Every structure is written in structure tokens, then in C-alpha cells.
Amino acid sequence: ANSISLDQVLAAHHAKAVRYPSLQLSDQSGTGSAGHSHTLSFDRNGTPLPAENSPRRLFERLFVPETAGDRAAALKRYAERRSILDDISEEAKALDKKLGVDDKRKLDEYYTSVRETEQMVARLQGWIDVPKPKVGSADLQLNMQPGNAHDRPMWLDVMLEMSYLAFATDTTRTITFEWSREAGGFGGGGENHHELSHHDGSPEKLKKLAEIDKFHLSRLERFVKLMAATTEGEGRMLDHTMVLFGSGMNSGTGTGDHSPKNLPLLVAGGKGLGFKHGQHLAFDPDKHPPLSNVLLTILQKSGVETGKFSDATSTLTGLT
């Protein structure tokens, strides 16, 4: 049973300080379907949150000022939402008196969702008259398409550039970015990553897989260097930003079978938050700590006071 994702716990923690508590990015828009998800983000009920894959739409959302007409239309939508929420609350209160214990618990979960929606509407209203950051689009390649083999490297770069700009302007503090879904993906020239991952030990396929990995890491390196070159407070943006890069499945074990064990993950940044770097932490694949131990470590270093997340048994030994 799915539940809330790491980014949404972080989003709630920072919600009051930023215009957008979180951004969901992907190479395919929307949510996808079970087993073929287009998003890495899920709310407390396990509902997938839709992702954006258009650089232009993302730029307009983050940095293009609304007109007076846009703001008036938004305020009208918020008022309509409040009216609907008020009606729902009254009906739910009347229903509560007629329910048994189990149904009351379900209704309370529904109440929680309604209250969170009310808070979201109130927060959106509070930002309606706050100007968006002024960011020019001249150097951003906003017309790149994720499914175009020629555009793919530039599409990744521009989405990561806007992620950097969103952090630099404190427009958001939490971003998930699914470069490709687990059972798909492409290299820098449009190569089929999933097809190559079932390599059966073929030296030629393994060589192509290595080229794809190198391509992906080169794009990540470029993004990390943008933050490393940006001063923030008494250090660098990178020192105060945590980047988790990897996958929920490994690829390359044996003849190319996939497994949720022994995952190759990379944690970058966060030096100012206590993360240790320049090391490789290896664990017994058959007695391994869960991935959630990494996520719990990130939560705690982000300032979230909790000792639990998903199936975490503790924070990850050696990471901090």
C-alpha cells in the first residue's frame, strides 16, 4: 500500500516559506499508471501528484508575472473552492453522527484532507499579490522536447537549470524529477536504456549502458556545479542543498536482472548540514538496510523532527 513520499513531508515542513511547497517534474506529464508512474510524488493517501514535462509551461508557472485579470480569476477560483469546502464540512458533520467506529475513522481521514486543502487555498491567496522573481528566458531553451532524441540532453539541462533557478530564488525548496520511469528511459542519443539493461552479459550492451550512465552523470554534474558556484549565506548553495540521485531498481546484476536490492545511489551536497562525502558505503545485499534509511536521514537533516519514515529502521550509518 503506497503512502506519502519523502518530498511531500519536506514540502509540508517548508510550505509557509515558499510560493510552491514542491515541484514535480518528469519526462512525461501527468501521473501515469500503476507500474508505469510518471511521478515520484505521492500525498499522505498515496495519491500520485501530476508531474510537468514542458520547460515552457514550467517557466511560465515559476517566473511569468500574472496580469490583473489572472489574479482576479485566481481569487474567484479560490473563493469557489472555499465555498465547496464549507458545504462539504457541513455535510460531513451531519454524517458523522450516523456512523460507526470504523466509518468515523475514515471520515476523520477525509476531514484531514479537507483541512489540508483549506490551508492550501489560504496559502495560495496569501501569495497572489507577491510578485514572482524576475528571471529572463533568453538563455533557456524552453522549446526542448523530452521524447526527441536530438533534444534530450538539452531538455534535461533546461529542466535542471530551472530547478536551480527555483532554488536560487527560493520559489521552492523541494523538487522531484523523474528523468525516466523505471521500466523505460533513454540515453543521450535516444538509446533504449531498458532494452540494454537486459544485457545477458553482452560486452557491447554493457559498453552502451556505461555510456548512458556517463551521460546521465554528466548532466547531474552540471547541475551540481551550478549550485557549487553560487554563494549562499556563509557558504555555497550546494552546502545547504541535498541531492539524491538513483533508482528504485538496480540494473546489471548477473545477466541484467532487475532487483530492489543493492541500489547504486548517489547523495550530493548537504555538507553544511552534516553529510560526509568522498566515500562509498557498501552493504550486504542480503542483509541490507532499507532505502528509507537514506530518506529518513535526509528528513532529519532537513530539520524535520521525526524518527520514522516508511519502513526505515534508523538513519543510514556512515552517511552523516
C-alpha atoms as a PDB file:
ATOM      1  CA  ALA A   1       0.000   0.000   0.000  1.00  0.00           C
ATOM      2  CA  ASN A   2       1.528   3.289  -1.059  1.00  0.00           C
ATOM      3  CA  SER A   3       1.770   6.268   1.271  1.00  0.00           C
ATOM      4  CA  ILE A   4       3.292   9.735   1.410  1.00  0.00           C
ATOM      5  CA  SER A   5       6.594  10.293  -0.404  1.00  0.00           C
ATOM      6  CA  LEU A   6       9.638  11.954   1.118  1.00  0.00           C
ATOM      7  CA  ASP A   7       9.268  15.193  -0.835  1.00  0.00           C
ATOM      8  CA  GLN A   8       5.727  15.796   0.418  1.00  0.00           C
ATOM      9  CA  VAL A   9       6.838  15.520   4.052  1.00  0.00           C
ATOM     10  CA  LEU A  10       9.525  18.104   3.248  1.00  0.00           C
ATOM     11  CA  ALA A  11       7.008  20.226   1.314  1.00  0.00           C
ATOM     12  CA  ALA A  12       4.706  20.429   4.336  1.00  0.00           C
ATOM     13  CA  HIS A  13       7.663  21.422   6.519  1.00  0.00           C
ATOM     14  CA  HIS A  14       8.585  24.367   4.240  1.00  0.00           C
ATOM     15  CA  ALA A  15       5.099  25.254   2.917  1.00  0.00           C
ATOM     16  CA  LYS A  16       4.708  28.586   4.700  1.00  0.00           C
ATOM     17  CA  ALA A  17       8.036  29.969   3.479  1.00  0.00           C
ATOM     18  CA  VAL A  18       7.736  29.454  -0.286  1.00  0.00           C
ATOM     19  CA  ARG A  19       5.312  30.075  -3.147  1.00  0.00           C
ATOM     20  CA  TYR A  20       5.377  26.413  -4.214  1.00  0.00           C
ATOM     21  CA  PRO A  21       5.886  23.822  -1.448  1.00  0.00           C
ATOM     22  CA  SER A  22       7.106  21.340  -4.085  1.00  0.00           C
ATOM     23  CA  LEU A  23       7.612  20.861  -7.800  1.00  0.00           C
ATOM     24  CA  GLN A  24       7.063  17.564  -9.611  1.00  0.00           C
ATOM     25  CA  LEU A  25       8.999  17.158 -12.864  1.00  0.00           C
ATOM     26  CA  SER A  26       9.232  14.225 -15.263  1.00  0.00           C
ATOM     27  CA  ASP A  27       9.873  13.351 -18.895  1.00  0.00           C
ATOM     28  CA  GLN A  28       6.169  12.524 -19.205  1.00  0.00           C
ATOM     29  CA  SER A  29       3.453  14.763 -17.827  1.00  0.00           C
ATOM     30  CA  GLY A  30       0.639  13.691 -15.528  1.00  0.00           C
ATOM     31  CA  THR A  31       0.756  10.716 -13.179  1.00  0.00           C
ATOM     32  CA  GLY A  32       0.928   7.685 -15.481  1.00  0.00           C
ATOM     33  CA  SER A  33      -0.434   4.410 -14.140  1.00  0.00           C
ATOM     34  CA  ALA A  34       0.425   1.732 -11.590  1.00  0.00           C
ATOM     35  CA  GLY A  35       3.760   0.209 -12.579  1.00  0.00           C
ATOM     36  CA  HIS A  36       4.357   2.978 -15.114  1.00  0.00           C
ATOM     37  CA  SER A  37       4.336   6.039 -12.909  1.00  0.00           C
ATOM     38  CA  HIS A  38       5.254   9.422 -14.381  1.00  0.00           C
ATOM     39  CA  THR A  39       5.783  10.952 -10.940  1.00  0.00           C
ATOM     40  CA  LEU A  40       7.850  10.363  -7.805  1.00  0.00           C
ATOM     41  CA  SER A  41       5.448  12.305  -5.567  1.00  0.00           C
ATOM     42  CA  PHE A  42       2.531  10.938  -3.537  1.00  0.00           C
ATOM     43  CA  ASP A  43       0.349  12.600  -0.910  1.00  0.00           C
ATOM     44  CA  ARG A  44      -0.465  11.154   2.525  1.00  0.00           C
ATOM     45  CA  ASN A  45      -3.188   8.969   0.993  1.00  0.00           C
ATOM     46  CA  GLY A  46      -0.807   7.523  -1.592  1.00  0.00           C
ATOM     47  CA  THR A  47      -2.411   9.513  -4.406  1.00  0.00           C
ATOM     48  CA  PRO A  48       0.105  10.345  -7.170  1.00  0.00           C
ATOM     49  CA  LEU A  49       0.754  14.043  -7.823  1.00  0.00           C
ATOM     50  CA  PRO A  50       0.993  15.027 -11.516  1.00  0.00           C
ATOM     51  CA  ALA A  51       4.340  15.988 -12.989  1.00  0.00           C
ATOM     52  CA  GLU A  52       5.293  18.637 -15.550  1.00  0.00           C
ATOM     53  CA  ASN A  53       7.496  17.875 -18.562  1.00  0.00           C
ATOM     54  CA  SER A  54       7.266  21.125 -20.557  1.00  0.00           C
ATOM     55  CA  PRO A  55      10.101  23.620 -19.971  1.00  0.00           C
ATOM     56  CA  ARG A  56       7.950  26.480 -21.251  1.00  0.00           C
ATOM     57  CA  ARG A  57       4.962  25.703 -19.027  1.00  0.00           C
ATOM     58  CA  LEU A  58       7.292  25.318 -16.050  1.00  0.00           C
ATOM     59  CA  PHE A  59       8.972  28.659 -16.742  1.00  0.00           C
ATOM     60  CA  GLU A  60       5.628  30.429 -17.083  1.00  0.00           C
ATOM     61  CA  ARG A  61       4.405  28.956 -13.821  1.00  0.00           C
ATOM     62  CA  LEU A  62       7.533  29.943 -11.915  1.00  0.00           C
ATOM     63  CA  PHE A  63       8.572  33.265 -13.388  1.00  0.00           C
ATOM     64  CA  VAL A  64       5.990  34.894 -15.696  1.00  0.00           C
ATOM     65  CA  PRO A  65       4.003  37.585 -13.816  1.00  0.00           C
ATOM     66  CA  GLU A  66       0.225  37.252 -13.690  1.00  0.00           C
ATOM     67  CA  THR A  67      -1.901  40.039 -15.117  1.00  0.00           C
ATOM     68  CA  ALA A  68      -4.594  41.751 -13.074  1.00  0.00           C
ATOM     69  CA  GLY A  69      -7.112  39.551 -14.892  1.00  0.00           C
ATOM     70  CA  ASP A  70      -5.150  36.412 -13.986  1.00  0.00           C
ATOM     71  CA  ARG A  71      -5.131  37.389 -10.313  1.00  0.00           C
ATOM     72  CA  ALA A  72      -8.853  38.173 -10.319  1.00  0.00           C
ATOM     73  CA  ALA A  73      -9.622  34.810 -11.928  1.00  0.00           C
ATOM     74  CA  ALA A  74      -7.421  33.027  -9.390  1.00  0.00           C
ATOM     75  CA  LEU A  75      -9.141  34.755  -6.460  1.00  0.00           C
ATOM     76  CA  LYS A  76     -12.511  33.734  -7.907  1.00  0.00           C
ATOM     77  CA  ARG A  77     -11.360  30.091  -8.106  1.00  0.00           C
ATOM     78  CA  TYR A  78     -10.120  30.197  -4.528  1.00  0.00           C
ATOM     79  CA  ALA A  79     -13.446  31.636  -3.341  1.00  0.00           C
ATOM     80  CA  GLU A  80     -15.338  28.872  -5.160  1.00  0.00           C
ATOM     81  CA  ARG A  81     -13.097  26.244  -3.573  1.00  0.00           C
ATOM     82  CA  ARG A  82     -13.712  27.714  -0.126  1.00  0.00           C
ATOM     83  CA  SER A  83     -17.471  27.636  -0.731  1.00  0.00           C
ATOM     84  CA  ILE A  84     -17.312  23.986  -1.786  1.00  0.00           C
ATOM     85  CA  LEU A  85     -15.160  23.096   1.222  1.00  0.00           C
ATOM     86  CA  ASP A  86     -17.624  24.822   3.566  1.00  0.00           C
ATOM     87  CA  ASP A  87     -20.504  22.799   2.100  1.00  0.00           C
ATOM     88  CA  ILE A  88     -18.539  19.572   2.390  1.00  0.00           C
ATOM     89  CA  SER A  89     -17.661  20.284   6.026  1.00  0.00           C
ATOM     90  CA  GLU A  90     -21.283  20.880   6.986  1.00  0.00           C
ATOM     91  CA  GLU A  91     -22.445  17.690   5.269  1.00  0.00           C
ATOM     92  CA  ALA A  92     -19.635  15.681   6.863  1.00  0.00           C
ATOM     93  CA  LYS A  93     -20.564  16.931  10.346  1.00  0.00           C
ATOM     94  CA  ALA A  94     -24.143  15.824   9.841  1.00  0.00           C
ATOM     95  CA  LEU A  95     -22.997  12.427   8.564  1.00  0.00           C
ATOM     96  CA  ASP A  96     -20.578  11.914  11.470  1.00  0.00           C
ATOM     97  CA  LYS A  97     -23.464  11.437  13.934  1.00  0.00           C
ATOM     98  CA  LYS A  98     -24.764   8.432  11.992  1.00  0.00           C
ATOM     99  CA  LEU A  99     -21.550   6.433  11.592  1.00  0.00           C
ATOM    100  CA  GLY A 100     -19.916   3.532  13.394  1.00  0.00           C
ATOM    101  CA  VAL A 101     -16.362   3.486  14.758  1.00  0.00           C
ATOM    102  CA  ASP A 102     -14.617   2.329  11.537  1.00  0.00           C
ATOM    103  CA  ASP A 103     -16.534   4.721   9.322  1.00  0.00           C
ATOM    104  CA  LYS A 104     -15.841   7.567  11.755  1.00  0.00           C
ATOM    105  CA  ARG A 105     -12.124   6.871  11.382  1.00  0.00           C
ATOM    106  CA  LYS A 106     -12.394   7.006   7.587  1.00  0.00           C
ATOM    107  CA  LEU A 107     -14.375  10.215   7.815  1.00  0.00           C
ATOM    108  CA  ASP A 108     -11.696  11.707  10.070  1.00  0.00           C
ATOM    109  CA  GLU A 109      -9.096  10.921   7.381  1.00  0.00           C
ATOM    110  CA  TYR A 110     -11.356  12.726   4.912  1.00  0.00           C
ATOM    111  CA  TYR A 111     -11.642  15.686   7.319  1.00  0.00           C
ATOM    112  CA  THR A 112      -7.853  15.845   7.431  1.00  0.00           C
ATOM    113  CA  SER A 113      -7.689  16.084   3.633  1.00  0.00           C
ATOM    114  CA  VAL A 114     -10.336  18.830   3.635  1.00  0.00           C
ATOM    115  CA  ARG A 115      -8.433  20.813   6.268  1.00  0.00           C
ATOM    116  CA  GLU A 116      -5.204  20.488   4.283  1.00  0.00           C
ATOM    117  CA  THR A 117      -6.999  21.750   1.176  1.00  0.00           C
ATOM    118  CA  GLU A 118      -8.342  24.706   3.155  1.00  0.00           C
ATOM    119  CA  GLN A 119      -4.816  25.537   4.308  1.00  0.00           C
ATOM    120  CA  MET A 120      -3.521  25.242   0.736  1.00  0.00           C
ATOM    121  CA  VAL A 121      -6.185  27.665  -0.549  1.00  0.00           C
ATOM    122  CA  ALA A 122      -5.378  30.141   2.218  1.00  0.00           C
ATOM    123  CA  ARG A 123      -1.664  29.902   1.414  1.00  0.00           C
ATOM    124  CA  LEU A 124      -2.293  30.463  -2.319  1.00  0.00           C
ATOM    125  CA  GLN A 125      -4.360  33.549  -1.542  1.00  0.00           C
ATOM    126  CA  GLY A 126      -1.505  34.899   0.566  1.00  0.00           C
ATOM    127  CA  TRP A 127       0.867  34.745  -2.431  1.00  0.00           C
ATOM    128  CA  ILE A 128      -1.486  36.209  -5.034  1.00  0.00           C
ATOM    129  CA  ASP A 129      -0.105  39.754  -4.732  1.00  0.00           C
ATOM    130  CA  VAL A 130       3.523  38.794  -4.130  1.00  0.00           C
ATOM    131  CA  PRO A 131       5.483  39.404  -7.368  1.00  0.00           C
ATOM    132  CA  LYS A 132       7.247  36.439  -8.932  1.00  0.00           C
ATOM    133  CA  PRO A 133      11.057  36.581  -9.243  1.00  0.00           C
ATOM    134  CA  LYS A 134      12.333  38.346 -12.357  1.00  0.00           C
ATOM    135  CA  VAL A 135      14.133  35.733 -14.465  1.00  0.00           C
ATOM    136  CA  GLY A 136      14.877  36.170 -18.162  1.00  0.00           C
ATOM    137  CA  SER A 137      14.240  33.357 -20.611  1.00  0.00           C
ATOM    138  CA  ALA A 138      16.717  34.387 -23.332  1.00  0.00           C
ATOM    139  CA  ASP A 139      19.343  31.788 -22.339  1.00  0.00           C
ATOM    140  CA  LEU A 140      16.863  28.994 -21.603  1.00  0.00           C
ATOM    141  CA  GLN A 141      15.962  26.522 -24.343  1.00  0.00           C
ATOM    142  CA  LEU A 142      12.286  26.315 -23.476  1.00  0.00           C
ATOM    143  CA  ASN A 143      11.164  24.515 -26.634  1.00  0.00           C
ATOM    144  CA  MET A 144      13.110  21.292 -25.982  1.00  0.00           C
ATOM    145  CA  GLN A 145      11.093  18.070 -26.077  1.00  0.00           C
ATOM    146  CA  PRO A 146      11.879  15.122 -23.759  1.00  0.00           C
ATOM    147  CA  GLY A 147      10.855  12.469 -26.278  1.00  0.00           C
ATOM    148  CA  ASN A 148      13.008  13.863 -29.086  1.00  0.00           C
ATOM    149  CA  ALA A 149      16.401  12.097 -29.298  1.00  0.00           C
ATOM    150  CA  HIS A 150      18.099  15.283 -30.543  1.00  0.00           C
ATOM    151  CA  ASP A 151      16.533  17.430 -27.806  1.00  0.00           C
ATOM    152  CA  ARG A 152      17.006  15.002 -24.903  1.00  0.00           C
ATOM    153  CA  PRO A 153      20.328  16.331 -23.498  1.00  0.00           C
ATOM    154  CA  MET A 154      19.215  19.958 -23.820  1.00  0.00           C
ATOM    155  CA  TRP A 155      15.799  19.139 -22.316  1.00  0.00           C
ATOM    156  CA  LEU A 156      17.461  17.637 -19.238  1.00  0.00           C
ATOM    157  CA  ASP A 157      19.742  20.664 -18.946  1.00  0.00           C
ATOM    158  CA  VAL A 158      16.978  23.251 -19.177  1.00  0.00           C
ATOM    159  CA  MET A 159      14.755  21.433 -16.647  1.00  0.00           C
ATOM    160  CA  LEU A 160      17.708  21.255 -14.253  1.00  0.00           C
ATOM    161  CA  GLU A 161      18.557  24.921 -14.922  1.00  0.00           C
ATOM    162  CA  MET A 162      15.034  25.897 -13.902  1.00  0.00           C
ATOM    163  CA  SER A 163      15.298  23.662 -10.839  1.00  0.00           C
ATOM    164  CA  TYR A 164      18.434  25.588  -9.918  1.00  0.00           C
ATOM    165  CA  LEU A 165      16.673  28.926 -10.525  1.00  0.00           C
ATOM    166  CA  ALA A 166      13.701  27.810  -8.411  1.00  0.00           C
ATOM    167  CA  PHE A 167      16.104  27.100  -5.534  1.00  0.00           C
ATOM    168  CA  ALA A 168      18.144  30.277  -6.097  1.00  0.00           C
ATOM    169  CA  THR A 169      15.013  32.462  -5.939  1.00  0.00           C
ATOM    170  CA  ASP A 170      13.582  30.453  -3.004  1.00  0.00           C
ATOM    171  CA  THR A 171      10.474  29.779  -5.074  1.00  0.00           C
ATOM    172  CA  THR A 172      10.506  26.207  -3.747  1.00  0.00           C
ATOM    173  CA  ARG A 173      12.791  24.096  -1.573  1.00  0.00           C
ATOM    174  CA  THR A 174      11.671  20.654  -2.707  1.00  0.00           C
ATOM    175  CA  ILE A 175      11.802  19.142  -6.204  1.00  0.00           C
ATOM    176  CA  THR A 176      11.366  15.621  -7.528  1.00  0.00           C
ATOM    177  CA  PHE A 177      12.484  14.922 -11.069  1.00  0.00           C
ATOM    178  CA  GLU A 178      11.859  11.579 -12.758  1.00  0.00           C
ATOM    179  CA  TRP A 179      14.212  11.595 -15.740  1.00  0.00           C
ATOM    180  CA  SER A 180      12.628   8.331 -16.934  1.00  0.00           C
ATOM    181  CA  ARG A 181      10.284   5.781 -15.411  1.00  0.00           C
ATOM    182  CA  GLU A 182      11.828   2.605 -14.017  1.00  0.00           C
ATOM    183  CA  ALA A 183      10.837   0.399 -16.970  1.00  0.00           C
ATOM    184  CA  GLY A 184      11.843   2.931 -19.617  1.00  0.00           C
ATOM    185  CA  GLY A 185      14.399   5.607 -20.252  1.00  0.00           C
ATOM    186  CA  PHE A 186      16.782   6.833 -22.915  1.00  0.00           C
ATOM    187  CA  GLY A 187      20.406   7.719 -23.340  1.00  0.00           C
ATOM    188  CA  GLY A 188      21.750  10.987 -24.690  1.00  0.00           C
ATOM    189  CA  GLY A 189      21.097   9.889 -28.254  1.00  0.00           C
ATOM    190  CA  GLY A 190      17.712   8.300 -27.630  1.00  0.00           C
ATOM    191  CA  GLU A 191      19.081   4.807 -26.895  1.00  0.00           C
ATOM    192  CA  ASN A 192      16.623   2.416 -25.225  1.00  0.00           C
ATOM    193  CA  HIS A 193      18.036   2.092 -21.705  1.00  0.00           C
ATOM    194  CA  HIS A 194      15.646  -0.626 -20.528  1.00  0.00           C
ATOM    195  CA  GLU A 195      16.286  -2.833 -23.526  1.00  0.00           C
ATOM    196  CA  LEU A 196      20.047  -2.573 -22.998  1.00  0.00           C
ATOM    197  CA  SER A 197      19.714  -3.262 -19.257  1.00  0.00           C
ATOM    198  CA  HIS A 198      18.735  -6.876 -20.077  1.00  0.00           C
ATOM    199  CA  HIS A 199      22.219  -7.314 -21.445  1.00  0.00           C
ATOM    200  CA  ASP A 200      22.770 -11.060 -20.844  1.00  0.00           C
ATOM    201  CA  GLY A 201      26.435 -10.280 -20.249  1.00  0.00           C
ATOM    202  CA  SER A 202      26.963  -8.863 -23.744  1.00  0.00           C
ATOM    203  CA  PRO A 203      30.126  -6.686 -23.769  1.00  0.00           C
ATOM    204  CA  GLU A 204      28.602  -4.477 -26.466  1.00  0.00           C
ATOM    205  CA  LYS A 205      25.421  -3.827 -24.470  1.00  0.00           C
ATOM    206  CA  LEU A 206      27.399  -3.262 -21.267  1.00  0.00           C
ATOM    207  CA  LYS A 207      29.544  -0.699 -23.095  1.00  0.00           C
ATOM    208  CA  LYS A 208      26.410   1.133 -24.281  1.00  0.00           C
ATOM    209  CA  LEU A 209      24.956   1.030 -20.765  1.00  0.00           C
ATOM    210  CA  ALA A 210      28.145   2.589 -19.418  1.00  0.00           C
ATOM    211  CA  GLU A 211      27.843   5.382 -21.997  1.00  0.00           C
ATOM    212  CA  ILE A 212      24.263   6.088 -20.886  1.00  0.00           C
ATOM    213  CA  ASP A 213      25.313   6.149 -17.212  1.00  0.00           C
ATOM    214  CA  LYS A 214      28.148   8.530 -18.059  1.00  0.00           C
ATOM    215  CA  PHE A 215      25.739  10.774 -19.979  1.00  0.00           C
ATOM    216  CA  HIS A 216      23.293  10.941 -17.049  1.00  0.00           C
ATOM    217  CA  LEU A 217      26.038  11.657 -14.553  1.00  0.00           C
ATOM    218  CA  SER A 218      27.431  14.419 -16.772  1.00  0.00           C
ATOM    219  CA  ARG A 219      24.043  16.187 -16.637  1.00  0.00           C
ATOM    220  CA  LEU A 220      23.912  15.744 -12.856  1.00  0.00           C
ATOM    221  CA  GLU A 221      27.469  17.108 -12.583  1.00  0.00           C
ATOM    222  CA  ARG A 222      26.471  20.243 -14.490  1.00  0.00           C
ATOM    223  CA  PHE A 223      23.534  20.837 -12.124  1.00  0.00           C
ATOM    224  CA  VAL A 224      25.647  20.278  -9.006  1.00  0.00           C
ATOM    225  CA  LYS A 225      28.329  22.665 -10.296  1.00  0.00           C
ATOM    226  CA  LEU A 226      25.711  25.405 -10.757  1.00  0.00           C
ATOM    227  CA  MET A 227      24.925  25.171  -7.044  1.00  0.00           C
ATOM    228  CA  ALA A 228      28.589  24.843  -6.088  1.00  0.00           C
ATOM    229  CA  ALA A 229      29.339  28.134  -7.895  1.00  0.00           C
ATOM    230  CA  THR A 230      26.505  30.009  -6.125  1.00  0.00           C
ATOM    231  CA  THR A 231      27.187  31.787  -2.842  1.00  0.00           C
ATOM    232  CA  GLU A 232      24.505  31.365  -0.188  1.00  0.00           C
ATOM    233  CA  GLY A 233      24.937  32.760   3.301  1.00  0.00           C
ATOM    234  CA  GLU A 234      28.390  31.875   4.579  1.00  0.00           C
ATOM    235  CA  GLY A 235      28.854  29.006   2.143  1.00  0.00           C
ATOM    236  CA  ARG A 236      27.624  27.669  -1.175  1.00  0.00           C
ATOM    237  CA  MET A 237      24.114  26.746  -2.233  1.00  0.00           C
ATOM    238  CA  LEU A 238      25.337  23.167  -2.632  1.00  0.00           C
ATOM    239  CA  ASP A 239      26.353  23.038   1.034  1.00  0.00           C
ATOM    240  CA  HIS A 240      22.737  23.673   2.031  1.00  0.00           C
ATOM    241  CA  THR A 241      21.085  21.517  -0.644  1.00  0.00           C
ATOM    242  CA  MET A 242      20.726  17.732  -0.632  1.00  0.00           C
ATOM    243  CA  VAL A 243      20.594  15.870  -3.943  1.00  0.00           C
ATOM    244  CA  LEU A 244      19.600  12.204  -4.089  1.00  0.00           C
ATOM    245  CA  PHE A 245      20.218  10.563  -7.465  1.00  0.00           C
ATOM    246  CA  GLY A 246      19.487   6.958  -8.344  1.00  0.00           C
ATOM    247  CA  SER A 247      16.794   4.402  -8.973  1.00  0.00           C
ATOM    248  CA  GLY A 248      14.430   2.054  -7.172  1.00  0.00           C
ATOM    249  CA  MET A 249      15.845  -0.883  -9.128  1.00  0.00           C
ATOM    250  CA  ASN A 250      19.378  -1.952  -9.873  1.00  0.00           C
ATOM    251  CA  SER A 251      20.491  -2.964 -13.332  1.00  0.00           C
ATOM    252  CA  GLY A 252      23.397  -5.180 -14.221  1.00  0.00           C
ATOM    253  CA  THR A 253      23.275  -7.930 -11.605  1.00  0.00           C
ATOM    254  CA  GLY A 254      24.096 -11.251 -13.234  1.00  0.00           C
ATOM    255  CA  THR A 255      22.743 -11.221 -16.761  1.00  0.00           C
ATOM    256  CA  GLY A 256      20.862  -7.976 -16.309  1.00  0.00           C
ATOM    257  CA  ASP A 257      18.037  -8.924 -13.973  1.00  0.00           C
ATOM    258  CA  HIS A 258      16.441  -6.096 -12.010  1.00  0.00           C
ATOM    259  CA  SER A 259      16.264  -6.107  -8.238  1.00  0.00           C
ATOM    260  CA  PRO A 260      15.267  -3.656  -5.478  1.00  0.00           C
ATOM    261  CA  LYS A 261      18.419  -4.657  -3.569  1.00  0.00           C
ATOM    262  CA  ASN A 262      21.943  -3.255  -3.676  1.00  0.00           C
ATOM    263  CA  LEU A 263      20.836   0.004  -5.266  1.00  0.00           C
ATOM    264  CA  PRO A 264      23.501   2.324  -6.698  1.00  0.00           C
ATOM    265  CA  LEU A 265      22.559   5.662  -5.112  1.00  0.00           C
ATOM    266  CA  LEU A 266      24.429   8.951  -5.042  1.00  0.00           C
ATOM    267  CA  VAL A 267      23.986  11.640  -2.388  1.00  0.00           C
ATOM    268  CA  ALA A 268      25.480  15.038  -3.235  1.00  0.00           C
ATOM    269  CA  GLY A 269      25.568  18.318  -1.357  1.00  0.00           C
ATOM    270  CA  GLY A 270      24.475  18.994   2.200  1.00  0.00           C
ATOM    271  CA  LYS A 271      27.986  19.398   3.569  1.00  0.00           C
ATOM    272  CA  GLY A 272      26.793  22.273   5.728  1.00  0.00           C
ATOM    273  CA  LEU A 273      24.027  20.021   7.059  1.00  0.00           C
ATOM    274  CA  GLY A 274      26.419  17.307   8.169  1.00  0.00           C
ATOM    275  CA  PHE A 275      26.718  14.967   5.183  1.00  0.00           C
ATOM    276  CA  LYS A 276      30.036  13.171   4.607  1.00  0.00           C
ATOM    277  CA  HIS A 277      31.354  12.856   1.053  1.00  0.00           C
ATOM    278  CA  GLY A 278      34.232  11.286  -0.833  1.00  0.00           C
ATOM    279  CA  GLN A 279      33.245   7.776   0.220  1.00  0.00           C
ATOM    280  CA  HIS A 280      31.445   4.674  -0.996  1.00  0.00           C
ATOM    281  CA  LEU A 281      29.180   2.966   1.526  1.00  0.00           C
ATOM    282  CA  ALA A 282      28.605  -0.686   0.638  1.00  0.00           C
ATOM    283  CA  PHE A 283      26.186  -3.027   2.412  1.00  0.00           C
ATOM    284  CA  ASP A 284      25.458  -6.756   2.337  1.00  0.00           C
ATOM    285  CA  PRO A 285      22.864  -7.200  -0.469  1.00  0.00           C
ATOM    286  CA  ASP A 286      21.150  -9.974   1.511  1.00  0.00           C
ATOM    287  CA  LYS A 287      21.101  -8.104   4.838  1.00  0.00           C
ATOM    288  CA  HIS A 288      20.826  -4.593   3.564  1.00  0.00           C
ATOM    289  CA  PRO A 289      19.304  -1.542   5.263  1.00  0.00           C
ATOM    290  CA  PRO A 290      16.133  -0.296   3.537  1.00  0.00           C
ATOM    291  CA  LEU A 291      16.290   2.655   1.149  1.00  0.00           C
ATOM    292  CA  SER A 292      14.079   4.507   3.639  1.00  0.00           C
ATOM    293  CA  ASN A 293      17.074   4.797   5.969  1.00  0.00           C
ATOM    294  CA  VAL A 294      18.609   7.196   3.439  1.00  0.00           C
ATOM    295  CA  LEU A 295      15.326   9.091   3.197  1.00  0.00           C
ATOM    296  CA  LEU A 296      14.970   9.334   6.992  1.00  0.00           C
ATOM    297  CA  THR A 297      18.497  10.760   7.183  1.00  0.00           C
ATOM    298  CA  ILE A 298      17.558  13.424   4.619  1.00  0.00           C
ATOM    299  CA  LEU A 299      14.376  14.256   6.538  1.00  0.00           C
ATOM    300  CA  GLN A 300      16.191  14.747   9.814  1.00  0.00           C
ATOM    301  CA  LYS A 301      18.962  16.844   8.268  1.00  0.00           C
ATOM    302  CA  SER A 302      16.260  18.993   6.661  1.00  0.00           C
ATOM    303  CA  GLY A 303      15.012  19.916  10.126  1.00  0.00           C
ATOM    304  CA  VAL A 304      12.007  17.562  10.260  1.00  0.00           C
ATOM    305  CA  GLU A 305      11.828  16.195  13.801  1.00  0.00           C
ATOM    306  CA  THR A 306      10.884  12.561  13.293  1.00  0.00           C
ATOM    307  CA  GLY A 307      12.337   9.138  13.988  1.00  0.00           C
ATOM    308  CA  LYS A 308      10.164   7.361  11.433  1.00  0.00           C
ATOM    309  CA  PHE A 309       9.625   7.263   7.701  1.00  0.00           C
ATOM    310  CA  SER A 310       8.060   4.368   5.823  1.00  0.00           C
ATOM    311  CA  ASP A 311       9.978   1.158   6.675  1.00  0.00           C
ATOM    312  CA  ALA A 312      13.155   2.900   7.920  1.00  0.00           C
ATOM    313  CA  THR A 313      14.898   1.098  10.772  1.00  0.00           C
ATOM    314  CA  SER A 314      17.224   4.033  11.550  1.00  0.00           C
ATOM    315  CA  THR A 315      19.218   6.671   9.740  1.00  0.00           C
ATOM    316  CA  LEU A 316      21.875   5.323   7.352  1.00  0.00           C
ATOM    317  CA  THR A 317      25.128   4.507   9.115  1.00  0.00           C
ATOM    318  CA  GLY A 318      28.090   6.451   7.737  1.00  0.00           C
ATOM    319  CA  LEU A 319      26.145   8.991   5.684  1.00  0.00           C
ATOM    320  CA  THR A 320      26.477  11.792   8.256  1.00  0.00           C
END
